[in-house]
Amino acid sequence: MKATIKVENAITVLEKNLEAHIAEYADAIDVWTEDAKKAIDQLKEVFDRQGRKASIEAIYQLWHRQPVDNRPHYSRAIGMLKQAHEAGQTTFECDEDEYDQIFQDNWDWRRASRATNFSYSSRK
């Protein structure tokens, strides 16, 4: 199924989704930074072999589970729609998947980042 969507509506929704993501990301990065500081402090305090291994493992895990910033993805979609709007385009056709991405914030990259970011932002 295809639907005709107003460009302005899509821009408004994407900007709202972006704002929610920025708030989530800010909370997540704050918690992640605190966790990283604690792990580094523990590494400094412990010099025996077992302690160092455990501390390095904590840092390794934190490094590979950093909060994800999706602002470039949102900016690309918003920018494209704003350019279309400025060129005089008032509507566009989208299918169910595109509608789901724009209006339900259900992008592949958003789903992937939501779990990681929420694991930190929920603790703030």
N, C-alpha and C. Protein backbone atom coordinates (compact mmCIF):
# COMPACT_ATOMS: atom_id res chain seq x y z
N MET A 1 0.83 -1.17 0.00
CA MET A 1 0.00 0.00 0.00
C MET A 1 0.88 1.24 0.00
N LYS A 2 0.47 2.22 -0.75
CA LYS A 2 1.17 3.50 -0.79
C LYS A 2 0.25 4.58 -0.24
N ALA A 3 0.87 5.59 0.35
CA ALA A 3 0.10 6.71 0.89
C ALA A 3 0.78 8.01 0.48
N THR A 4 -0.04 9.05 0.32
CA THR A 4 0.50 10.37 0.04
C THR A 4 0.61 11.11 1.36
N ILE A 5 1.81 11.59 1.66
CA ILE A 5 2.13 12.20 2.95
C ILE A 5 2.56 13.64 2.70
N LYS A 6 2.16 14.54 3.58
CA LYS A 6 2.62 15.92 3.50
C LYS A 6 4.06 16.00 3.97
N VAL A 7 4.88 16.68 3.20
CA VAL A 7 6.30 16.84 3.53
C VAL A 7 6.46 17.51 4.89
N GLU A 8 5.66 18.54 5.15
CA GLU A 8 5.76 19.26 6.43
C GLU A 8 5.48 18.34 7.61
N ASN A 9 4.51 17.45 7.48
CA ASN A 9 4.20 16.51 8.56
C ASN A 9 5.37 15.57 8.84
N ALA A 10 5.96 15.08 7.78
CA ALA A 10 7.10 14.18 7.94
C ALA A 10 8.27 14.90 8.60
N ILE A 11 8.53 16.13 8.20
CA ILE A 11 9.63 16.91 8.80
C ILE A 11 9.35 17.11 10.30
N THR A 12 8.14 17.48 10.64
CA THR A 12 7.77 17.70 12.05
C THR A 12 7.99 16.45 12.89
N VAL A 13 7.56 15.32 12.38
CA VAL A 13 7.70 14.06 13.12
C VAL A 13 9.18 13.68 13.25
N LEU A 14 9.93 13.81 12.18
CA LEU A 14 11.35 13.48 12.24
C LEU A 14 12.10 14.39 13.22
N GLU A 15 11.76 15.66 13.24
CA GLU A 15 12.41 16.57 14.18
C GLU A 15 12.06 16.22 15.62
N LYS A 16 10.82 15.81 15.85
CA LYS A 16 10.41 15.36 17.19
C LYS A 16 11.17 14.10 17.59
N ASN A 17 11.30 13.15 16.66
CA ASN A 17 12.04 11.92 16.93
C ASN A 17 13.51 12.23 17.21
N LEU A 18 14.06 13.18 16.47
CA LEU A 18 15.44 13.60 16.68
C LEU A 18 15.62 14.17 18.08
N GLU A 19 14.71 15.03 18.51
CA GLU A 19 14.79 15.61 19.86
C GLU A 19 14.77 14.53 20.93
N ALA A 20 13.90 13.54 20.77
CA ALA A 20 13.82 12.44 21.74
C ALA A 20 15.12 11.65 21.75
N HIS A 21 15.68 11.42 20.56
CA HIS A 21 16.95 10.69 20.47
C HIS A 21 18.07 11.48 21.14
N ILE A 22 18.13 12.78 20.92
CA ILE A 22 19.19 13.61 21.52
C ILE A 22 19.12 13.53 23.04
N ALA A 23 17.92 13.60 23.60
CA ALA A 23 17.76 13.51 25.06
C ALA A 23 18.20 12.14 25.57
N GLU A 24 17.80 11.09 24.88
CA GLU A 24 18.18 9.73 25.26
C GLU A 24 19.69 9.56 25.18
N TYR A 25 20.28 10.05 24.09
CA TYR A 25 21.72 9.94 23.90
C TYR A 25 22.49 10.71 24.97
N ALA A 26 22.03 11.91 25.31
CA ALA A 26 22.71 12.71 26.33
C ALA A 26 22.70 11.99 27.67
N ASP A 27 21.57 11.41 28.04
CA ASP A 27 21.51 10.65 29.29
C ASP A 27 22.43 9.43 29.22
N ALA A 28 22.40 8.73 28.10
CA ALA A 28 23.23 7.54 27.94
C ALA A 28 24.71 7.87 28.02
N ILE A 29 25.13 8.94 27.36
CA ILE A 29 26.56 9.28 27.35
C ILE A 29 27.02 9.72 28.73
N ASP A 30 26.14 10.38 29.50
CA ASP A 30 26.49 10.76 30.87
C ASP A 30 26.75 9.52 31.73
N VAL A 31 25.87 8.55 31.67
CA VAL A 31 26.03 7.32 32.46
C VAL A 31 27.23 6.54 31.97
N TRP A 32 27.39 6.42 30.65
CA TRP A 32 28.52 5.69 30.09
C TRP A 32 29.84 6.32 30.53
N THR A 33 29.92 7.64 30.52
CA THR A 33 31.14 8.34 30.93
C THR A 33 31.47 8.03 32.38
N GLU A 34 30.48 8.03 33.24
CA GLU A 34 30.70 7.70 34.65
C GLU A 34 31.19 6.26 34.79
N ASP A 35 30.57 5.33 34.06
CA ASP A 35 31.00 3.94 34.10
C ASP A 35 32.45 3.81 33.63
N ALA A 36 32.80 4.52 32.57
CA ALA A 36 34.16 4.46 32.03
C ALA A 36 35.16 5.02 33.04
N LYS A 37 34.82 6.11 33.69
CA LYS A 37 35.71 6.69 34.71
C LYS A 37 35.95 5.70 35.84
N LYS A 38 34.89 5.03 36.30
CA LYS A 38 35.02 4.05 37.38
C LYS A 38 35.93 2.90 36.95
N ALA A 39 35.73 2.41 35.74
CA ALA A 39 36.55 1.29 35.25
C ALA A 39 38.01 1.69 35.13
N ILE A 40 38.27 2.90 34.68
CA ILE A 40 39.67 3.37 34.57
C ILE A 40 40.28 3.56 35.95
N ASP A 41 39.51 4.09 36.89
CA ASP A 41 40.00 4.24 38.26
C ASP A 41 40.32 2.88 38.87
N GLN A 42 39.49 1.89 38.63
CA GLN A 42 39.76 0.55 39.15
C GLN A 42 41.02 -0.03 38.53
N LEU A 43 41.24 0.22 37.27
CA LEU A 43 42.45 -0.25 36.60
C LEU A 43 43.69 0.38 37.21
N LYS A 44 43.61 1.65 37.54
CA LYS A 44 44.75 2.33 38.16
C LYS A 44 45.06 1.76 39.53
N GLU A 45 44.04 1.40 40.28
CA GLU A 45 44.22 0.94 41.65
C GLU A 45 44.74 -0.49 41.75
N VAL A 46 44.54 -1.28 40.74
CA VAL A 46 44.86 -2.70 40.83
C VAL A 46 45.99 -3.04 39.86
N PHE A 47 47.05 -3.62 40.40
CA PHE A 47 48.18 -3.97 39.53
C PHE A 47 48.47 -5.45 39.51
N ASP A 48 47.78 -6.28 40.30
CA ASP A 48 48.04 -7.71 40.22
C ASP A 48 47.38 -8.26 38.96
N ARG A 49 47.80 -9.41 38.56
CA ARG A 49 47.39 -9.97 37.28
C ARG A 49 45.87 -10.16 37.17
N GLN A 50 45.23 -10.76 38.16
CA GLN A 50 43.79 -10.98 38.10
C GLN A 50 43.01 -9.67 38.10
N GLY A 51 43.38 -8.75 38.96
CA GLY A 51 42.70 -7.47 39.01
C GLY A 51 42.81 -6.71 37.72
N ARG A 52 44.01 -6.72 37.14
CA ARG A 52 44.21 -6.01 35.88
C ARG A 52 43.37 -6.63 34.78
N LYS A 53 43.29 -7.96 34.74
CA LYS A 53 42.49 -8.62 33.72
C LYS A 53 41.02 -8.23 33.85
N ALA A 54 40.51 -8.24 35.06
CA ALA A 54 39.11 -7.89 35.28
C ALA A 54 38.85 -6.44 34.90
N SER A 55 39.74 -5.54 35.27
CA SER A 55 39.55 -4.13 34.96
C SER A 55 39.65 -3.86 33.47
N ILE A 56 40.58 -4.49 32.81
CA ILE A 56 40.72 -4.31 31.37
C ILE A 56 39.47 -4.84 30.66
N GLU A 57 38.94 -5.94 31.15
CA GLU A 57 37.73 -6.50 30.56
C GLU A 57 36.56 -5.52 30.68
N ALA A 58 36.44 -4.86 31.83
CA ALA A 58 35.36 -3.88 32.02
C ALA A 58 35.51 -2.72 31.04
N ILE A 59 36.73 -2.24 30.86
CA ILE A 59 36.99 -1.14 29.92
C ILE A 59 36.70 -1.60 28.49
N TYR A 60 37.14 -2.80 28.16
CA TYR A 60 36.90 -3.35 26.82
C TYR A 60 35.40 -3.40 26.53
N GLN A 61 34.62 -3.91 27.49
CA GLN A 61 33.18 -4.02 27.29
C GLN A 61 32.54 -2.64 27.13
N LEU A 62 32.97 -1.69 27.96
CA LEU A 62 32.43 -0.33 27.84
C LEU A 62 32.77 0.28 26.49
N TRP A 63 34.00 0.07 26.04
CA TRP A 63 34.43 0.67 24.78
C TRP A 63 33.60 0.15 23.61
N HIS A 64 33.23 -1.13 23.67
CA HIS A 64 32.49 -1.72 22.56
C HIS A 64 30.98 -1.62 22.71
N ARG A 65 30.52 -1.03 23.78
CA ARG A 65 29.08 -0.80 23.97
C ARG A 65 28.84 0.67 24.29
N GLN A 66 29.46 1.51 23.52
CA GLN A 66 29.27 2.95 23.69
C GLN A 66 27.88 3.35 23.20
N PRO A 67 27.31 4.39 23.82
CA PRO A 67 26.05 4.92 23.29
C PRO A 67 26.20 5.32 21.82
N VAL A 68 25.12 5.20 21.08
CA VAL A 68 25.14 5.45 19.64
C VAL A 68 24.43 6.77 19.34
N ASP A 69 25.10 7.62 18.57
CA ASP A 69 24.55 8.91 18.18
C ASP A 69 24.02 8.82 16.76
N ASN A 70 22.71 8.91 16.61
CA ASN A 70 22.06 8.80 15.30
C ASN A 70 21.74 10.14 14.65
N ARG A 71 22.28 11.23 15.19
CA ARG A 71 21.96 12.54 14.61
C ARG A 71 22.26 12.62 13.11
N PRO A 72 23.37 12.04 12.63
CA PRO A 72 23.60 12.12 11.17
C PRO A 72 22.50 11.44 10.34
N HIS A 73 21.95 10.34 10.84
CA HIS A 73 20.88 9.65 10.11
C HIS A 73 19.62 10.51 10.06
N TYR A 74 19.25 11.08 11.21
CA TYR A 74 18.08 11.96 11.23
C TYR A 74 18.31 13.18 10.34
N SER A 75 19.49 13.76 10.41
CA SER A 75 19.80 14.96 9.63
C SER A 75 19.68 14.69 8.13
N ARG A 76 20.10 13.51 7.72
CA ARG A 76 20.02 13.16 6.29
C ARG A 76 18.56 13.12 5.84
N ALA A 77 17.71 12.47 6.62
CA ALA A 77 16.30 12.37 6.25
C ALA A 77 15.60 13.73 6.31
N ILE A 78 15.86 14.47 7.38
CA ILE A 78 15.25 15.80 7.53
C ILE A 78 15.75 16.74 6.43
N GLY A 79 17.03 16.71 6.16
CA GLY A 79 17.60 17.56 5.11
C GLY A 79 17.02 17.29 3.75
N MET A 80 16.85 16.01 3.42
CA MET A 80 16.28 15.66 2.13
C MET A 80 14.86 16.20 2.01
N LEU A 81 14.06 16.03 3.07
CA LEU A 81 12.68 16.50 3.02
C LEU A 81 12.61 18.03 3.00
N LYS A 82 13.49 18.69 3.71
CA LYS A 82 13.50 20.16 3.68
C LYS A 82 13.88 20.67 2.30
N GLN A 83 14.82 20.01 1.65
CA GLN A 83 15.19 20.41 0.29
C GLN A 83 14.02 20.23 -0.67
N ALA A 84 13.32 19.12 -0.51
CA ALA A 84 12.14 18.88 -1.36
C ALA A 84 11.08 19.94 -1.10
N HIS A 85 10.88 20.30 0.16
CA HIS A 85 9.88 21.31 0.51
C HIS A 85 10.27 22.67 -0.06
N GLU A 86 11.53 23.02 0.06
CA GLU A 86 12.00 24.30 -0.49
C GLU A 86 11.89 24.36 -2.00
N ALA A 87 11.96 23.21 -2.64
CA ALA A 87 11.81 23.16 -4.10
C ALA A 87 10.35 23.17 -4.52
N GLY A 88 9.44 23.24 -3.55
CA GLY A 88 8.03 23.34 -3.88
C GLY A 88 7.25 22.06 -3.74
N GLN A 89 7.89 21.00 -3.37
CA GLN A 89 7.18 19.73 -3.22
C GLN A 89 6.42 19.76 -1.89
N THR A 90 5.14 19.50 -1.94
CA THR A 90 4.32 19.56 -0.72
C THR A 90 3.94 18.17 -0.21
N THR A 91 3.98 17.18 -1.08
CA THR A 91 3.65 15.81 -0.67
C THR A 91 4.64 14.83 -1.30
N PHE A 92 4.63 13.61 -0.77
CA PHE A 92 5.41 12.53 -1.37
C PHE A 92 4.68 11.23 -1.08
N GLU A 93 4.95 10.23 -1.89
CA GLU A 93 4.35 8.92 -1.68
C GLU A 93 5.32 8.05 -0.92
N CYS A 94 4.77 7.29 0.02
CA CYS A 94 5.62 6.34 0.73
C CYS A 94 4.85 5.04 0.93
N ASP A 95 5.61 3.97 1.07
CA ASP A 95 4.97 2.68 1.33
C ASP A 95 4.92 2.45 2.84
N GLU A 96 4.43 1.30 3.23
CA GLU A 96 4.24 1.00 4.65
C GLU A 96 5.57 1.00 5.42
N ASP A 97 6.62 0.48 4.81
CA ASP A 97 7.93 0.45 5.48
C ASP A 97 8.47 1.86 5.71
N GLU A 98 8.36 2.70 4.69
CA GLU A 98 8.83 4.08 4.83
C GLU A 98 7.99 4.83 5.87
N TYR A 99 6.69 4.58 5.86
CA TYR A 99 5.82 5.21 6.86
C TYR A 99 6.25 4.77 8.26
N ASP A 100 6.49 3.49 8.43
CA ASP A 100 6.91 2.94 9.71
C ASP A 100 8.22 3.58 10.18
N GLN A 101 9.14 3.78 9.26
CA GLN A 101 10.42 4.40 9.61
C GLN A 101 10.22 5.85 10.05
N ILE A 102 9.52 6.62 9.26
CA ILE A 102 9.37 8.05 9.54
C ILE A 102 8.46 8.30 10.74
N PHE A 103 7.27 7.72 10.74
CA PHE A 103 6.26 8.08 11.73
C PHE A 103 6.29 7.22 12.99
N GLN A 104 6.90 6.05 12.92
CA GLN A 104 7.02 5.20 14.11
C GLN A 104 8.46 5.13 14.62
N ASP A 105 9.35 5.87 13.96
CA ASP A 105 10.78 5.90 14.32
C ASP A 105 11.35 4.48 14.35
N ASN A 106 10.99 3.71 13.35
CA ASN A 106 11.36 2.31 13.30
C ASN A 106 12.36 2.05 12.17
N TRP A 107 13.50 2.70 12.27
CA TRP A 107 14.59 2.51 11.31
C TRP A 107 15.48 1.36 11.81
N ASP A 108 16.18 0.71 10.91
CA ASP A 108 17.12 -0.34 11.33
C ASP A 108 18.14 0.22 12.32
N TRP A 109 18.73 1.36 11.98
CA TRP A 109 19.77 1.95 12.82
C TRP A 109 19.21 2.43 14.15
N ARG A 110 17.95 2.82 14.19
CA ARG A 110 17.34 3.28 15.44
C ARG A 110 17.06 2.10 16.36
N ARG A 111 16.55 1.01 15.79
CA ARG A 111 16.30 -0.18 16.61
C ARG A 111 17.61 -0.70 17.20
N ALA A 112 18.66 -0.69 16.41
CA ALA A 112 19.95 -1.19 16.88
C ALA A 112 20.51 -0.33 18.01
N SER A 113 20.37 0.97 17.90
CA SER A 113 20.94 1.86 18.91
C SER A 113 20.07 1.98 20.15
N ARG A 114 18.78 1.78 19.99
CA ARG A 114 17.86 1.97 21.12
C ARG A 114 18.21 1.08 22.30
N ALA A 115 18.53 -0.18 22.05
CA ALA A 115 18.85 -1.11 23.14
C ALA A 115 20.13 -0.68 23.86
N THR A 116 21.14 -0.33 23.10
CA THR A 116 22.40 0.10 23.73
C THR A 116 22.20 1.38 24.52
N ASN A 117 21.60 2.38 23.92
CA ASN A 117 21.40 3.65 24.61
C ASN A 117 20.51 3.49 25.83
N PHE A 118 19.47 2.70 25.71
CA PHE A 118 18.54 2.54 26.83
C PHE A 118 19.20 1.85 28.02
N SER A 119 20.15 0.95 27.73
CA SER A 119 20.83 0.27 28.84
C SER A 119 21.57 1.27 29.73
N TYR A 120 21.94 2.41 29.18
CA TYR A 120 22.58 3.47 29.97
C TYR A 120 21.57 4.53 30.42
N SER A 121 20.77 5.05 29.49
CA SER A 121 19.88 6.17 29.81
C SER A 121 18.85 5.79 30.87
N SER A 122 18.47 4.54 30.94
CA SER A 122 17.47 4.11 31.93
C SER A 122 18.03 4.16 33.36
N ARG A 123 19.35 4.19 33.49
CA ARG A 123 19.97 4.23 34.81
C ARG A 123 20.17 5.66 35.32
N LYS A 124 19.90 6.65 34.51
CA LYS A 124 20.13 8.04 34.92
C LYS A 124 19.01 8.54 35.80
